[in-house]
Amino acid sequence: MGTVSGIVVYILLWWWVFFMSLPFGVKRTEVVEDGHDAAAPQKTHLWKKAAATTVIAFILWLGVDALIAADIFSFRRMAEDY
C-alpha cells in the first residue's frame, strides 16, 4: 500500500471506530438545567475515546496492510476478471 492510500485508509478507519465508540460509557444527566438537552451526557470522555480509537484504528490498519501486502485481496485482480 502506498503512503497516501495508507493514510487515507487509516483516517477512514479512525473515524469509523471513533463514531462506533461514542455511545460507550455515556450516562444521561439526571437533573436537567434550563437550556440543556435531557439526553446530553454528563461526561463525554472524548480524550479517552480518541486515544482508544487511535490504538484500535492502528491495529485494524496493520491488518488491512497485511492483507494487501499478502495479495490475498486485490481489487485490481478482481477488476481484471470482469
Protein backbone atom coordinates (compact mmCIF):
# COMPACT_ATOMS: atom_id res chain seq x y z
CA MET A 1 0.00 0.00 0.00
CA GLY A 2 1.34 3.42 -0.86
CA THR A 3 1.86 6.23 1.62
CA VAL A 4 -1.14 8.30 0.56
CA SER A 5 -3.50 5.32 0.37
CA GLY A 6 -2.22 4.11 3.75
CA ILE A 7 -3.00 7.49 5.31
CA VAL A 8 -6.45 7.57 3.72
CA VAL A 9 -7.24 4.05 4.96
CA TYR A 10 -6.07 4.94 8.48
CA ILE A 11 -8.18 8.13 8.56
CA LEU A 12 -11.26 6.24 7.38
CA LEU A 13 -10.70 3.51 9.96
CA TRP A 14 -10.10 6.10 12.69
CA TRP A 15 -13.40 7.92 12.07
CA TRP A 16 -15.29 4.65 11.71
CA VAL A 17 -14.02 3.38 15.07
CA PHE A 18 -14.48 6.81 16.72
CA PHE A 19 -18.15 7.03 15.75
CA MET A 20 -18.67 3.47 16.98
CA SER A 21 -17.07 4.30 20.35
CA LEU A 22 -19.12 7.44 21.07
CA PRO A 23 -22.07 5.70 22.82
CA PHE A 24 -19.87 3.71 25.24
CA GLY A 25 -19.84 4.95 28.84
CA VAL A 26 -22.44 7.67 28.30
CA LYS A 27 -24.66 8.44 31.28
CA ARG A 28 -27.52 10.87 30.96
CA THR A 29 -27.87 13.84 33.25
CA GLU A 30 -30.43 13.23 35.99
CA VAL A 31 -31.07 16.91 36.77
CA VAL A 32 -31.77 18.85 33.61
CA GLU A 33 -30.93 22.56 33.70
CA ASP A 34 -32.67 25.15 31.57
CA GLY A 35 -31.16 25.31 28.11
CA HIS A 36 -29.67 21.81 28.26
CA ASP A 37 -30.91 18.76 26.40
CA ALA A 38 -32.30 15.97 28.56
CA ALA A 39 -30.28 13.39 26.64
CA ALA A 40 -26.97 15.26 26.98
CA PRO A 41 -24.29 13.13 28.66
CA GLN A 42 -22.73 14.10 31.99
CA LYS A 43 -19.19 13.42 30.78
CA THR A 44 -18.26 12.53 27.23
CA HIS A 45 -14.75 11.13 27.88
CA LEU A 46 -13.73 12.22 24.38
CA TRP A 47 -9.98 12.19 25.13
CA LYS A 48 -10.14 8.58 26.33
CA LYS A 49 -12.24 7.60 23.33
CA ALA A 50 -9.88 9.37 20.92
CA ALA A 51 -6.86 7.62 22.46
CA ALA A 52 -8.54 4.21 22.33
CA THR A 53 -9.69 4.91 18.78
CA THR A 54 -6.14 5.74 17.71
CA VAL A 55 -4.82 2.42 19.03
CA ILE A 56 -7.70 0.34 17.65
CA ALA A 57 -7.55 2.02 14.23
CA PHE A 58 -3.79 1.39 14.08
CA ILE A 59 -4.28 -2.31 14.83
CA LEU A 60 -7.01 -2.54 12.18
CA TRP A 61 -4.77 -0.65 9.74
CA LEU A 62 -1.98 -3.17 10.33
CA GLY A 63 -4.44 -5.94 9.47
CA VAL A 64 -5.58 -4.21 6.28
CA ASP A 65 -1.96 -3.53 5.30
CA ALA A 66 -1.05 -7.19 5.90
CA LEU A 67 -3.98 -8.34 3.73
CA ILE A 68 -2.94 -6.02 0.92
CA ALA A 69 0.76 -6.91 1.20
CA ALA A 70 -0.03 -10.65 1.19
CA ASP A 71 -2.05 -10.14 -2.01
CA ILE A 72 -4.93 -12.10 -0.51
CA PHE A 73 -7.45 -9.47 -1.53
CA SER A 74 -6.81 -7.43 -4.68
CA PHE A 75 -9.24 -5.02 -6.32
CA ARG A 76 -7.03 -4.93 -9.42
CA ARG A 77 -7.24 -8.71 -9.85
CA MET A 78 -11.00 -8.60 -9.29
CA ALA A 79 -11.36 -5.85 -11.91
CA GLU A 80 -9.33 -7.86 -14.44
CA ASP A 81 -11.62 -10.85 -14.00
CA TYR A 82 -14.67 -8.86 -15.09
